[in-house]
Amino acid sequence: MLFYVKGELEGAVPLPPEQVLELAVKESETIISYRQQGKVLAGGILAGRKGGCGIFNVDSTEELHTLVFQLPMFPFCEWEIIPLIPTEVALEGTKQALASMRASK
């Protein structure tokens, strides 16, 4: 299952700046680990903003929840999670819909 996941800081983090940067380092290291495990296919830091996004490849929504919940910045971010349909699957569905429309003419 593919998911687009975006996390962005909302307001100030109630920690000293050095601790926030330490959390940011741990966050990036965790995402790199997820990528090495095949759980994140692509992603990066949002340019000029306080956040990041990625494409997660997981077996279930429960697994996704666990991975996101374990991110060091989880408590401080606003999260957006969107399920994705693989392009090949969407293409097949579109072809079927087109064939059905043509058959009904």
C-alpha atoms as a PDB file:
ATOM      1  CA  MET A   1       0.000   0.000   0.000  1.00  0.00           C
ATOM      2  CA  LEU A   2       1.325   3.401  -0.973  1.00  0.00           C
ATOM      3  CA  PHE A   3       0.774   6.582   1.015  1.00  0.00           C
ATOM      4  CA  TYR A   4       1.849  10.174   0.553  1.00  0.00           C
ATOM      5  CA  VAL A   5       2.854  11.422   4.011  1.00  0.00           C
ATOM      6  CA  LYS A   6       3.618  15.065   4.794  1.00  0.00           C
ATOM      7  CA  GLY A   7       4.572  16.412   8.198  1.00  0.00           C
ATOM      8  CA  GLU A   8       4.978  20.100   8.880  1.00  0.00           C
ATOM      9  CA  LEU A   9       5.741  21.928  12.113  1.00  0.00           C
ATOM     10  CA  GLU A  10       2.849  23.975  13.406  1.00  0.00           C
ATOM     11  CA  GLY A  11       4.037  26.872  15.540  1.00  0.00           C
ATOM     12  CA  ALA A  12       7.031  26.804  17.814  1.00  0.00           C
ATOM     13  CA  VAL A  13       8.341  23.603  19.363  1.00  0.00           C
ATOM     14  CA  PRO A  14       8.415  23.996  23.165  1.00  0.00           C
ATOM     15  CA  LEU A  15      12.097  23.022  23.383  1.00  0.00           C
ATOM     16  CA  PRO A  16      15.424  24.869  23.173  1.00  0.00           C
ATOM     17  CA  PRO A  17      16.655  25.300  19.570  1.00  0.00           C
ATOM     18  CA  GLU A  18      19.530  22.831  20.075  1.00  0.00           C
ATOM     19  CA  GLN A  19      17.102  20.089  21.121  1.00  0.00           C
ATOM     20  CA  VAL A  20      14.875  20.838  18.136  1.00  0.00           C
ATOM     21  CA  LEU A  21      17.859  20.434  15.816  1.00  0.00           C
ATOM     22  CA  GLU A  22      18.785  17.160  17.552  1.00  0.00           C
ATOM     23  CA  LEU A  23      15.240  15.915  16.902  1.00  0.00           C
ATOM     24  CA  ALA A  24      15.520  17.027  13.260  1.00  0.00           C
ATOM     25  CA  VAL A  25      18.728  14.986  12.890  1.00  0.00           C
ATOM     26  CA  LYS A  26      17.044  11.924  14.435  1.00  0.00           C
ATOM     27  CA  GLU A  27      14.022  12.443  12.170  1.00  0.00           C
ATOM     28  CA  SER A  28      16.183  12.425   9.033  1.00  0.00           C
ATOM     29  CA  GLU A  29      18.133   9.397  10.262  1.00  0.00           C
ATOM     30  CA  THR A  30      14.869   7.554  10.912  1.00  0.00           C
ATOM     31  CA  ILE A  31      13.548   8.345   7.427  1.00  0.00           C
ATOM     32  CA  ILE A  32      16.836   7.157   5.895  1.00  0.00           C
ATOM     33  CA  SER A  33      16.478   3.920   7.882  1.00  0.00           C
ATOM     34  CA  TYR A  34      12.912   3.501   6.605  1.00  0.00           C
ATOM     35  CA  ARG A  35      14.178   4.033   3.057  1.00  0.00           C
ATOM     36  CA  GLN A  36      16.885   1.386   3.550  1.00  0.00           C
ATOM     37  CA  GLN A  37      14.154  -1.014   4.747  1.00  0.00           C
ATOM     38  CA  GLY A  38      12.068  -0.269   1.639  1.00  0.00           C
ATOM     39  CA  LYS A  39       9.340   1.424   3.701  1.00  0.00           C
ATOM     40  CA  VAL A  40       9.943   4.867   2.143  1.00  0.00           C
ATOM     41  CA  LEU A  41      10.389   4.988  -1.626  1.00  0.00           C
ATOM     42  CA  ALA A  42      11.158   8.696  -2.019  1.00  0.00           C
ATOM     43  CA  GLY A  43      10.831  11.974  -0.224  1.00  0.00           C
ATOM     44  CA  GLY A  44      12.657  14.909   1.223  1.00  0.00           C
ATOM     45  CA  ILE A  45      12.596  18.077   3.237  1.00  0.00           C
ATOM     46  CA  LEU A  46      10.206  20.840   2.142  1.00  0.00           C
ATOM     47  CA  ALA A  47      12.344  23.633   0.698  1.00  0.00           C
ATOM     48  CA  GLY A  48      12.079  26.815   2.746  1.00  0.00           C
ATOM     49  CA  ARG A  49       9.610  25.261   5.187  1.00  0.00           C
ATOM     50  CA  LYS A  50       9.733  23.278   8.425  1.00  0.00           C
ATOM     51  CA  GLY A  51       8.702  19.821   7.335  1.00  0.00           C
ATOM     52  CA  GLY A  52       9.106  16.958   4.945  1.00  0.00           C
ATOM     53  CA  CYS A  53       7.204  14.419   2.898  1.00  0.00           C
ATOM     54  CA  GLY A  54       7.614  10.940   1.536  1.00  0.00           C
ATOM     55  CA  ILE A  55       6.000   8.062  -0.273  1.00  0.00           C
ATOM     56  CA  PHE A  56       5.596   5.190   2.177  1.00  0.00           C
ATOM     57  CA  ASN A  57       5.243   1.601   0.951  1.00  0.00           C
ATOM     58  CA  VAL A  58       3.690  -0.487   3.736  1.00  0.00           C
ATOM     59  CA  ASP A  59       1.544  -3.595   4.183  1.00  0.00           C
ATOM     60  CA  SER A  60      -1.236  -1.912   6.184  1.00  0.00           C
ATOM     61  CA  THR A  61      -2.510   1.344   7.603  1.00  0.00           C
ATOM     62  CA  GLU A  62      -1.551   0.011  11.028  1.00  0.00           C
ATOM     63  CA  GLU A  63       2.068  -0.361   9.896  1.00  0.00           C
ATOM     64  CA  LEU A  64       2.006   3.166   8.486  1.00  0.00           C
ATOM     65  CA  HIS A  65       0.625   4.500  11.762  1.00  0.00           C
ATOM     66  CA  THR A  66       3.385   2.747  13.721  1.00  0.00           C
ATOM     67  CA  LEU A  67       6.147   4.113  11.471  1.00  0.00           C
ATOM     68  CA  VAL A  68       4.826   7.682  11.529  1.00  0.00           C
ATOM     69  CA  PHE A  69       4.144   7.550  15.275  1.00  0.00           C
ATOM     70  CA  GLN A  70       7.796   6.551  15.849  1.00  0.00           C
ATOM     71  CA  LEU A  71       9.152   9.634  14.076  1.00  0.00           C
ATOM     72  CA  PRO A  72      10.878  11.932  16.578  1.00  0.00           C
ATOM     73  CA  MET A  73       8.978  15.006  15.360  1.00  0.00           C
ATOM     74  CA  PHE A  74       5.589  13.254  15.388  1.00  0.00           C
ATOM     75  CA  PRO A  75       4.200  15.114  18.441  1.00  0.00           C
ATOM     76  CA  PHE A  76       5.050  18.538  17.007  1.00  0.00           C
ATOM     77  CA  CYS A  77       3.885  18.183  13.392  1.00  0.00           C
ATOM     78  CA  GLU A  78       0.616  18.495  11.576  1.00  0.00           C
ATOM     79  CA  TRP A  79       0.303  15.355   9.436  1.00  0.00           C
ATOM     80  CA  GLU A  80      -1.327  14.852   6.063  1.00  0.00           C
ATOM     81  CA  ILE A  81      -1.658  11.257   4.855  1.00  0.00           C
ATOM     82  CA  ILE A  82      -3.141  10.403   1.476  1.00  0.00           C
ATOM     83  CA  PRO A  83      -3.568   6.826   0.200  1.00  0.00           C
ATOM     84  CA  LEU A  84      -2.237   6.322  -3.323  1.00  0.00           C
ATOM     85  CA  ILE A  85      -3.217   3.921  -6.086  1.00  0.00           C
ATOM     86  CA  PRO A  86      -0.266   2.624  -8.112  1.00  0.00           C
ATOM     87  CA  THR A  87      -0.279   4.136 -11.603  1.00  0.00           C
ATOM     88  CA  GLU A  88      -0.488   0.707 -13.249  1.00  0.00           C
ATOM     89  CA  VAL A  89      -3.632  -0.128 -11.263  1.00  0.00           C
ATOM     90  CA  ALA A  90      -5.216   3.236 -12.053  1.00  0.00           C
ATOM     91  CA  LEU A  91      -4.368   2.809 -15.740  1.00  0.00           C
ATOM     92  CA  GLU A  92      -6.057  -0.588 -15.851  1.00  0.00           C
ATOM     93  CA  GLY A  93      -9.182   0.847 -14.212  1.00  0.00           C
ATOM     94  CA  THR A  94      -9.252   3.743 -16.665  1.00  0.00           C
ATOM     95  CA  LYS A  95      -8.920   1.359 -19.617  1.00  0.00           C
ATOM     96  CA  GLN A  96     -11.797  -0.742 -18.264  1.00  0.00           C
ATOM     97  CA  ALA A  97     -13.985   2.343 -17.845  1.00  0.00           C
ATOM     98  CA  LEU A  98     -13.168   3.453 -21.395  1.00  0.00           C
ATOM     99  CA  ALA A  99     -13.980  -0.006 -22.781  1.00  0.00           C
ATOM    100  CA  SER A 100     -17.265  -0.014 -20.877  1.00  0.00           C
ATOM    101  CA  MET A 101     -18.214   3.416 -22.256  1.00  0.00           C
ATOM    102  CA  ARG A 102     -17.407   2.336 -25.806  1.00  0.00           C
ATOM    103  CA  ALA A 103     -19.381  -0.904 -25.417  1.00  0.00           C
ATOM    104  CA  SER A 104     -22.494   0.968 -24.246  1.00  0.00           C
ATOM    105  CA  LYS A 105     -22.625   3.185 -27.376  1.00  0.00           C
END
